[in-house]
N, C-alpha and C. Protein backbone atom coordinates (compact mmCIF):
# COMPACT_ATOMS: atom_id res chain seq x y z
N UNK A 1 105.23 95.87 73.80
CA UNK A 1 105.51 96.37 75.14
C UNK A 1 107.00 96.51 75.38
N UNK A 2 107.82 96.34 74.37
CA UNK A 2 109.26 96.38 74.54
C UNK A 2 109.77 97.67 75.17
N UNK A 3 109.32 98.79 74.66
CA UNK A 3 109.82 100.07 75.18
C UNK A 3 109.32 100.34 76.59
N UNK A 4 108.09 99.97 76.87
CA UNK A 4 107.57 100.15 78.23
C UNK A 4 108.36 99.29 79.21
N UNK A 5 108.73 98.10 78.78
CA UNK A 5 109.56 97.23 79.64
C UNK A 5 110.87 97.91 79.99
N UNK A 6 111.43 98.65 79.04
CA UNK A 6 112.66 99.39 79.30
C UNK A 6 112.44 100.48 80.36
N UNK A 7 111.29 101.14 80.30
CA UNK A 7 110.98 102.19 81.28
C UNK A 7 110.79 101.57 82.67
N UNK A 8 110.17 100.40 82.72
CA UNK A 8 109.99 99.71 84.01
C UNK A 8 111.34 99.31 84.59
N UNK A 9 112.22 98.78 83.76
CA UNK A 9 113.57 98.42 84.22
C UNK A 9 114.33 99.65 84.72
N UNK A 10 114.17 100.77 84.02
CA UNK A 10 114.83 102.01 84.45
C UNK A 10 114.31 102.44 85.81
N UNK A 11 112.97 102.38 86.00
CA UNK A 11 112.38 102.72 87.29
C UNK A 11 112.96 101.82 88.38
N UNK A 12 113.01 100.53 88.12
CA UNK A 12 113.52 99.59 89.12
C UNK A 12 114.98 99.88 89.46
N UNK A 13 115.77 100.28 88.48
CA UNK A 13 117.18 100.60 88.72
C UNK A 13 117.35 101.84 89.60
N UNK A 14 116.42 102.78 89.49
CA UNK A 14 116.53 104.02 90.28
C UNK A 14 115.59 104.04 91.49
N UNK A 15 114.94 102.92 91.76
CA UNK A 15 113.89 102.87 92.79
C UNK A 15 114.39 103.28 94.17
N UNK A 16 115.57 102.84 94.60
CA UNK A 16 116.04 103.20 95.95
C UNK A 16 116.26 104.71 96.06
N UNK A 17 116.79 105.33 95.03
CA UNK A 17 116.97 106.79 95.03
C UNK A 17 115.62 107.49 95.01
N UNK A 18 114.70 106.99 94.21
CA UNK A 18 113.37 107.59 94.14
C UNK A 18 112.67 107.50 95.50
N UNK A 19 112.79 106.36 96.17
CA UNK A 19 112.17 106.22 97.49
C UNK A 19 112.75 107.21 98.48
N UNK A 20 114.05 107.44 98.40
CA UNK A 20 114.70 108.39 99.31
C UNK A 20 114.30 109.83 99.02
N UNK A 21 114.13 110.16 97.74
CA UNK A 21 113.90 111.54 97.34
C UNK A 21 112.44 111.90 97.04
N UNK A 22 111.63 110.89 96.64
CA UNK A 22 110.29 111.20 96.14
C UNK A 22 109.23 110.21 96.64
N UNK A 23 109.40 109.68 97.82
CA UNK A 23 108.47 108.68 98.33
C UNK A 23 107.03 109.21 98.33
N UNK A 24 106.11 108.40 97.77
CA UNK A 24 104.71 108.78 97.70
C UNK A 24 104.33 109.64 96.51
N UNK A 25 105.31 110.19 95.82
CA UNK A 25 105.05 111.04 94.65
C UNK A 25 104.80 110.17 93.42
N UNK A 26 104.18 110.74 92.42
CA UNK A 26 103.97 110.10 91.13
C UNK A 26 105.09 110.54 90.21
N UNK A 27 105.84 109.59 89.65
CA UNK A 27 106.96 109.93 88.77
C UNK A 27 106.66 109.53 87.34
N UNK A 28 107.23 110.29 86.42
CA UNK A 28 107.15 109.98 85.00
C UNK A 28 108.55 109.58 84.54
N UNK A 29 108.63 108.39 83.92
CA UNK A 29 109.88 107.88 83.37
C UNK A 29 109.71 107.78 81.87
N UNK A 30 110.65 108.37 81.13
CA UNK A 30 110.62 108.31 79.66
C UNK A 30 112.05 108.31 79.17
N UNK A 31 112.34 107.45 78.20
CA UNK A 31 113.71 107.38 77.69
C UNK A 31 114.70 106.95 78.75
N UNK A 32 114.22 106.13 79.67
CA UNK A 32 115.02 105.61 80.79
C UNK A 32 115.49 106.71 81.75
N UNK A 33 114.80 107.85 81.74
CA UNK A 33 115.16 108.98 82.60
C UNK A 33 113.95 109.44 83.40
N UNK A 34 114.22 109.96 84.59
CA UNK A 34 113.18 110.58 85.40
C UNK A 34 112.85 111.93 84.78
N UNK A 35 111.60 112.11 84.42
CA UNK A 35 111.16 113.35 83.81
C UNK A 35 110.66 114.33 84.87
N UNK A 36 109.97 113.80 85.89
CA UNK A 36 109.48 114.66 86.95
C UNK A 36 108.78 113.86 88.02
N UNK A 37 108.59 114.49 89.17
CA UNK A 37 107.87 113.90 90.31
C UNK A 37 106.73 114.85 90.66
N UNK A 38 105.54 114.28 90.88
CA UNK A 38 104.33 115.08 91.04
C UNK A 38 103.52 114.58 92.24
N UNK A 39 102.75 115.47 92.84
CA UNK A 39 101.93 115.12 94.00
C UNK A 39 100.71 114.29 93.62
N UNK A 40 100.18 114.48 92.42
CA UNK A 40 98.96 113.80 92.00
C UNK A 40 99.18 113.06 90.69
N UNK A 41 98.48 111.91 90.52
CA UNK A 41 98.55 111.16 89.27
C UNK A 41 98.12 112.03 88.10
N UNK A 42 97.04 112.77 88.27
CA UNK A 42 96.51 113.58 87.18
C UNK A 42 97.52 114.59 86.68
N UNK A 43 98.28 115.18 87.59
CA UNK A 43 99.30 116.16 87.21
C UNK A 43 100.43 115.49 86.45
N UNK A 44 100.85 114.30 86.93
CA UNK A 44 101.90 113.55 86.24
C UNK A 44 101.45 113.15 84.84
N UNK A 45 100.22 112.63 84.74
CA UNK A 45 99.69 112.19 83.45
C UNK A 45 99.55 113.36 82.49
N UNK A 46 99.07 114.49 82.97
CA UNK A 46 98.92 115.66 82.12
C UNK A 46 100.28 116.11 81.59
N UNK A 47 101.29 116.14 82.45
CA UNK A 47 102.64 116.54 82.02
C UNK A 47 103.19 115.57 80.99
N UNK A 48 102.97 114.27 81.21
CA UNK A 48 103.47 113.26 80.27
C UNK A 48 102.79 113.37 78.91
N UNK A 49 101.48 113.54 78.92
CA UNK A 49 100.73 113.65 77.66
C UNK A 49 101.14 114.90 76.90
N UNK A 50 101.29 116.01 77.61
CA UNK A 50 101.69 117.26 76.95
C UNK A 50 103.08 117.14 76.31
N UNK A 51 103.99 116.44 77.00
CA UNK A 51 105.37 116.37 76.53
C UNK A 51 105.60 115.24 75.52
N UNK A 52 104.91 114.10 75.71
CA UNK A 52 105.23 112.91 74.92
C UNK A 52 104.04 112.33 74.15
N UNK A 53 102.90 112.97 74.20
CA UNK A 53 101.74 112.45 73.49
C UNK A 53 101.25 111.15 74.11
N UNK A 54 100.96 110.19 73.27
CA UNK A 54 100.37 108.94 73.76
C UNK A 54 101.40 107.96 74.31
N UNK A 55 102.66 108.30 74.32
CA UNK A 55 103.67 107.46 74.97
C UNK A 55 104.46 106.62 73.98
N UNK A 56 105.12 105.62 74.50
CA UNK A 56 104.99 105.08 75.85
C UNK A 56 105.85 105.83 76.86
N UNK A 57 105.38 105.83 78.06
CA UNK A 57 106.10 106.35 79.21
C UNK A 57 105.53 105.63 80.42
N UNK A 58 106.23 105.70 81.52
CA UNK A 58 105.79 105.04 82.74
C UNK A 58 105.41 106.09 83.77
N UNK A 59 104.24 105.93 84.35
CA UNK A 59 103.83 106.76 85.48
C UNK A 59 103.61 105.81 86.65
N UNK A 60 104.33 106.04 87.73
CA UNK A 60 104.21 105.14 88.87
C UNK A 60 104.34 105.93 90.17
N UNK A 61 103.59 105.52 91.18
CA UNK A 61 103.70 106.13 92.49
C UNK A 61 104.84 105.45 93.23
N UNK A 62 105.81 106.24 93.66
CA UNK A 62 107.00 105.72 94.31
C UNK A 62 106.63 105.06 95.64
N UNK A 63 107.01 103.81 95.76
CA UNK A 63 106.76 103.06 96.99
C UNK A 63 105.47 102.26 96.97
N UNK A 64 104.61 102.50 95.99
CA UNK A 64 103.34 101.77 95.89
C UNK A 64 103.54 100.51 95.05
N UNK A 65 102.72 99.52 95.33
CA UNK A 65 102.75 98.29 94.54
C UNK A 65 102.28 98.61 93.13
N UNK A 66 102.99 98.11 92.09
CA UNK A 66 102.57 98.39 90.72
C UNK A 66 101.21 97.78 90.40
N UNK A 67 100.45 98.47 89.55
CA UNK A 67 99.16 97.96 89.10
C UNK A 67 99.21 97.78 87.59
N UNK A 68 98.32 96.95 87.07
CA UNK A 68 98.24 96.73 85.64
C UNK A 68 96.96 97.36 85.12
N UNK A 69 97.11 98.19 84.11
CA UNK A 69 95.97 98.86 83.48
C UNK A 69 95.86 98.31 82.06
N UNK A 70 94.68 97.91 81.63
CA UNK A 70 94.53 97.40 80.26
C UNK A 70 95.02 98.42 79.23
N UNK A 71 95.65 97.91 78.19
CA UNK A 71 96.19 98.78 77.14
C UNK A 71 95.10 99.58 76.45
N UNK A 72 93.86 99.13 76.55
CA UNK A 72 92.78 99.84 75.87
C UNK A 72 92.40 101.13 76.57
N UNK A 73 92.89 101.34 77.79
CA UNK A 73 92.58 102.57 78.52
C UNK A 73 93.66 103.61 78.27
N UNK A 74 93.26 104.81 78.00
CA UNK A 74 94.18 105.92 77.82
C UNK A 74 93.79 107.05 78.75
N UNK A 75 94.78 107.78 79.22
CA UNK A 75 94.49 108.98 79.99
C UNK A 75 94.11 110.07 79.02
N UNK A 76 92.94 110.63 79.20
CA UNK A 76 92.47 111.71 78.34
C UNK A 76 91.99 112.86 79.21
N UNK A 77 92.79 113.92 79.30
CA UNK A 77 92.37 115.06 80.13
C UNK A 77 91.05 115.65 79.62
N UNK A 78 90.22 116.08 80.52
CA UNK A 78 88.95 116.70 80.18
C UNK A 78 89.12 118.20 80.21
N UNK A 79 88.71 118.84 79.15
CA UNK A 79 88.81 120.30 79.08
C UNK A 79 87.87 120.93 80.10
N UNK A 80 88.34 121.95 80.75
CA UNK A 80 87.54 122.66 81.73
C UNK A 80 86.73 123.72 81.00
N UNK A 81 85.44 123.50 80.95
CA UNK A 81 84.57 124.44 80.23
C UNK A 81 83.85 125.39 81.18
N UNK A 82 84.33 125.52 82.39
CA UNK A 82 83.66 126.37 83.38
C UNK A 82 83.90 127.83 83.10
């Protein structure tokens, strides 16, 4: 979890700016940098997976209390077969 810890620390360092600029949005942090801010978790996760594969990267809703997701869970977009 070393690299993910770095992403969490980066988020915490920029949290006041994120709250001012992106409150309520879902942000993607990778390489200690803000990659993007999104209205929905699914959009943020899709962008992260497309750009960085399986990670690690941090997706967090700005201003929300952090949650812990088991490492065994992965975001896997479902193909639209409609």
